[in-house]
Amino acid sequence: MSWISVCNVDDVNEDQPKAIEIDDKKIGVFLLEDNFYAIENVCPHAYALLTEGFIEDQNVECPLHEAIFDIPTGELKSGPGCRNLCTYPVRVEGQDVQIQLN
């Protein structure tokens, strides 16, 4: 699998994740304590973008129905999320944030 540049490191901060779309996959890029993470951006319970949700510690809360997901692992922590989220490998090359699609 090849790495895909999705944004610049300056496009993401701890309060403002970056929503991207690649090959019809909606992905959220998050920054937590100087580490970048990429997760499925649509809540599996109902269509809501998690990049528009509430971020606390290493969790993101769905803006519609309060499902809470662990950003580094994609694990459903509570609420009606139905399942864990897909996660994607991330690396930084220079100023580019890159991911690999599964």
C-alpha atoms as a PDB file:
ATOM      1  CA  MET A   1       0.000   0.000   0.000  1.00  0.00           C
ATOM      2  CA  SER A   2       1.217   3.452  -0.793  1.00  0.00           C
ATOM      3  CA  TRP A   3       1.118   6.563   1.346  1.00  0.00           C
ATOM      4  CA  ILE A   4      -1.216   9.396   0.314  1.00  0.00           C
ATOM      5  CA  SER A   5      -0.599  13.013   1.322  1.00  0.00           C
ATOM      6  CA  VAL A   6      -3.881  14.319   2.744  1.00  0.00           C
ATOM      7  CA  CYS A   7      -3.023  17.679   4.313  1.00  0.00           C
ATOM      8  CA  ASN A   8      -0.330  19.880   5.762  1.00  0.00           C
ATOM      9  CA  VAL A   9       0.589  19.547   9.450  1.00  0.00           C
ATOM     10  CA  ASP A  10      -0.580  23.144   9.939  1.00  0.00           C
ATOM     11  CA  ASP A  11      -4.079  22.234   8.688  1.00  0.00           C
ATOM     12  CA  VAL A  12      -4.822  20.286  11.891  1.00  0.00           C
ATOM     13  CA  ASN A  13      -4.709  21.269  15.550  1.00  0.00           C
ATOM     14  CA  GLU A  14      -6.076  19.684  18.715  1.00  0.00           C
ATOM     15  CA  ASP A  15      -9.281  21.733  18.535  1.00  0.00           C
ATOM     16  CA  GLN A  16      -9.798  21.555  14.758  1.00  0.00           C
ATOM     17  CA  PRO A  17      -9.471  18.156  13.070  1.00  0.00           C
ATOM     18  CA  LYS A  18      -9.400  17.976   9.275  1.00  0.00           C
ATOM     19  CA  ALA A  19     -12.131  16.283   7.236  1.00  0.00           C
ATOM     20  CA  ILE A  20     -10.918  14.706   4.002  1.00  0.00           C
ATOM     21  CA  GLU A  21     -12.390  12.409   1.368  1.00  0.00           C
ATOM     22  CA  ILE A  22     -10.423   9.870  -0.661  1.00  0.00           C
ATOM     23  CA  ASP A  23     -12.037   7.352  -3.017  1.00  0.00           C
ATOM     24  CA  ASP A  24     -15.481   8.009  -1.466  1.00  0.00           C
ATOM     25  CA  LYS A  25     -14.081   7.362   2.044  1.00  0.00           C
ATOM     26  CA  LYS A  26     -14.689  10.147   4.532  1.00  0.00           C
ATOM     27  CA  ILE A  27     -11.751  10.312   6.930  1.00  0.00           C
ATOM     28  CA  GLY A  28     -11.008  12.572   9.872  1.00  0.00           C
ATOM     29  CA  VAL A  29      -7.438  13.563  10.704  1.00  0.00           C
ATOM     30  CA  PHE A  30      -6.963  14.407  14.381  1.00  0.00           C
ATOM     31  CA  LEU A  31      -4.006  15.741  16.381  1.00  0.00           C
ATOM     32  CA  LEU A  32      -3.557  14.609  19.976  1.00  0.00           C
ATOM     33  CA  GLU A  33      -0.425  15.482  21.952  1.00  0.00           C
ATOM     34  CA  ASP A  34       1.735  15.922  18.821  1.00  0.00           C
ATOM     35  CA  ASN A  35       0.509  12.648  17.261  1.00  0.00           C
ATOM     36  CA  PHE A  36      -1.707  12.465  14.188  1.00  0.00           C
ATOM     37  CA  TYR A  37      -4.513   9.905  13.843  1.00  0.00           C
ATOM     38  CA  ALA A  38      -6.851   9.110  10.969  1.00  0.00           C
ATOM     39  CA  ILE A  39     -10.255   7.521  11.596  1.00  0.00           C
ATOM     40  CA  GLU A  40     -13.478   6.932   9.750  1.00  0.00           C
ATOM     41  CA  ASN A  41     -15.232  10.304   9.863  1.00  0.00           C
ATOM     42  CA  VAL A  42     -18.881   9.213   9.641  1.00  0.00           C
ATOM     43  CA  CYS A  43     -20.542   7.885  12.783  1.00  0.00           C
ATOM     44  CA  PRO A  44     -21.823   4.370  12.025  1.00  0.00           C
ATOM     45  CA  HIS A  45     -25.036   4.996  13.980  1.00  0.00           C
ATOM     46  CA  ALA A  46     -26.355   7.878  11.867  1.00  0.00           C
ATOM     47  CA  TYR A  47     -24.731  10.158   9.335  1.00  0.00           C
ATOM     48  CA  ALA A  48     -22.755  12.737  11.291  1.00  0.00           C
ATOM     49  CA  LEU A  49     -19.193  13.893  10.742  1.00  0.00           C
ATOM     50  CA  LEU A  50     -17.050  13.198  13.768  1.00  0.00           C
ATOM     51  CA  THR A  51     -14.715  16.056  12.851  1.00  0.00           C
ATOM     52  CA  GLU A  52     -17.658  18.276  13.841  1.00  0.00           C
ATOM     53  CA  GLY A  53     -17.981  16.524  17.201  1.00  0.00           C
ATOM     54  CA  PHE A  54     -16.740  17.369  20.683  1.00  0.00           C
ATOM     55  CA  ILE A  55     -13.137  16.343  21.450  1.00  0.00           C
ATOM     56  CA  GLU A  56     -12.060  15.653  25.026  1.00  0.00           C
ATOM     57  CA  ASP A  57      -8.879  13.888  26.095  1.00  0.00           C
ATOM     58  CA  GLN A  58      -8.405  11.260  23.378  1.00  0.00           C
ATOM     59  CA  ASN A  59     -12.107  10.849  22.591  1.00  0.00           C
ATOM     60  CA  VAL A  60     -14.495  12.341  20.068  1.00  0.00           C
ATOM     61  CA  GLU A  61     -18.243  12.548  20.694  1.00  0.00           C
ATOM     62  CA  CYS A  62     -20.655  12.327  17.778  1.00  0.00           C
ATOM     63  CA  PRO A  63     -22.460  15.662  17.380  1.00  0.00           C
ATOM     64  CA  LEU A  64     -25.856  13.974  16.849  1.00  0.00           C
ATOM     65  CA  HIS A  65     -26.393  11.155  19.318  1.00  0.00           C
ATOM     66  CA  GLU A  66     -23.461  11.313  21.748  1.00  0.00           C
ATOM     67  CA  ALA A  67     -21.643   8.130  20.729  1.00  0.00           C
ATOM     68  CA  ILE A  68     -18.078   8.390  22.033  1.00  0.00           C
ATOM     69  CA  PHE A  69     -15.069   6.935  20.207  1.00  0.00           C
ATOM     70  CA  ASP A  70     -11.417   6.602  21.169  1.00  0.00           C
ATOM     71  CA  ILE A  71      -9.476   8.505  18.500  1.00  0.00           C
ATOM     72  CA  PRO A  72      -6.224   6.473  18.536  1.00  0.00           C
ATOM     73  CA  THR A  73      -7.964   3.074  18.349  1.00  0.00           C
ATOM     74  CA  GLY A  74     -11.408   3.855  16.883  1.00  0.00           C
ATOM     75  CA  GLU A  75     -12.986   1.905  19.768  1.00  0.00           C
ATOM     76  CA  LEU A  76     -16.613   2.657  20.619  1.00  0.00           C
ATOM     77  CA  LYS A  77     -16.536   3.748  24.271  1.00  0.00           C
ATOM     78  CA  SER A  78     -20.245   4.436  24.836  1.00  0.00           C
ATOM     79  CA  GLY A  79     -23.494   5.386  23.170  1.00  0.00           C
ATOM     80  CA  PRO A  80     -25.277   4.198  20.045  1.00  0.00           C
ATOM     81  CA  GLY A  81     -22.268   3.984  17.732  1.00  0.00           C
ATOM     82  CA  CYS A  82     -23.003   0.308  16.862  1.00  0.00           C
ATOM     83  CA  ARG A  83     -19.346  -0.643  16.211  1.00  0.00           C
ATOM     84  CA  ASN A  84     -15.740   0.491  16.317  1.00  0.00           C
ATOM     85  CA  LEU A  85     -14.440   2.879  13.659  1.00  0.00           C
ATOM     86  CA  CYS A  86     -11.961   2.049  10.916  1.00  0.00           C
ATOM     87  CA  THR A  87      -8.521   3.528  11.559  1.00  0.00           C
ATOM     88  CA  TYR A  88      -5.765   4.293   9.085  1.00  0.00           C
ATOM     89  CA  PRO A  89      -1.970   4.327   9.490  1.00  0.00           C
ATOM     90  CA  VAL A  90      -0.557   7.862   9.594  1.00  0.00           C
ATOM     91  CA  ARG A  91       2.920   9.308   9.155  1.00  0.00           C
ATOM     92  CA  VAL A  92       4.401  12.773   8.698  1.00  0.00           C
ATOM     93  CA  GLU A  93       6.860  13.420   5.882  1.00  0.00           C
ATOM     94  CA  GLY A  94       8.238  16.946   6.052  1.00  0.00           C
ATOM     95  CA  GLN A  95       5.098  19.078   6.388  1.00  0.00           C
ATOM     96  CA  ASP A  96       2.764  16.486   4.810  1.00  0.00           C
ATOM     97  CA  VAL A  97       0.395  14.283   6.808  1.00  0.00           C
ATOM     98  CA  GLN A  98       0.106  10.995   4.935  1.00  0.00           C
ATOM     99  CA  ILE A  99      -2.200   8.009   5.399  1.00  0.00           C
ATOM    100  CA  GLN A 100      -2.533   4.507   4.013  1.00  0.00           C
ATOM    101  CA  LEU A 101      -5.947   3.233   2.976  1.00  0.00           C
ATOM    102  CA  ASN A 102      -6.830  -0.288   4.088  1.00  0.00           C
END
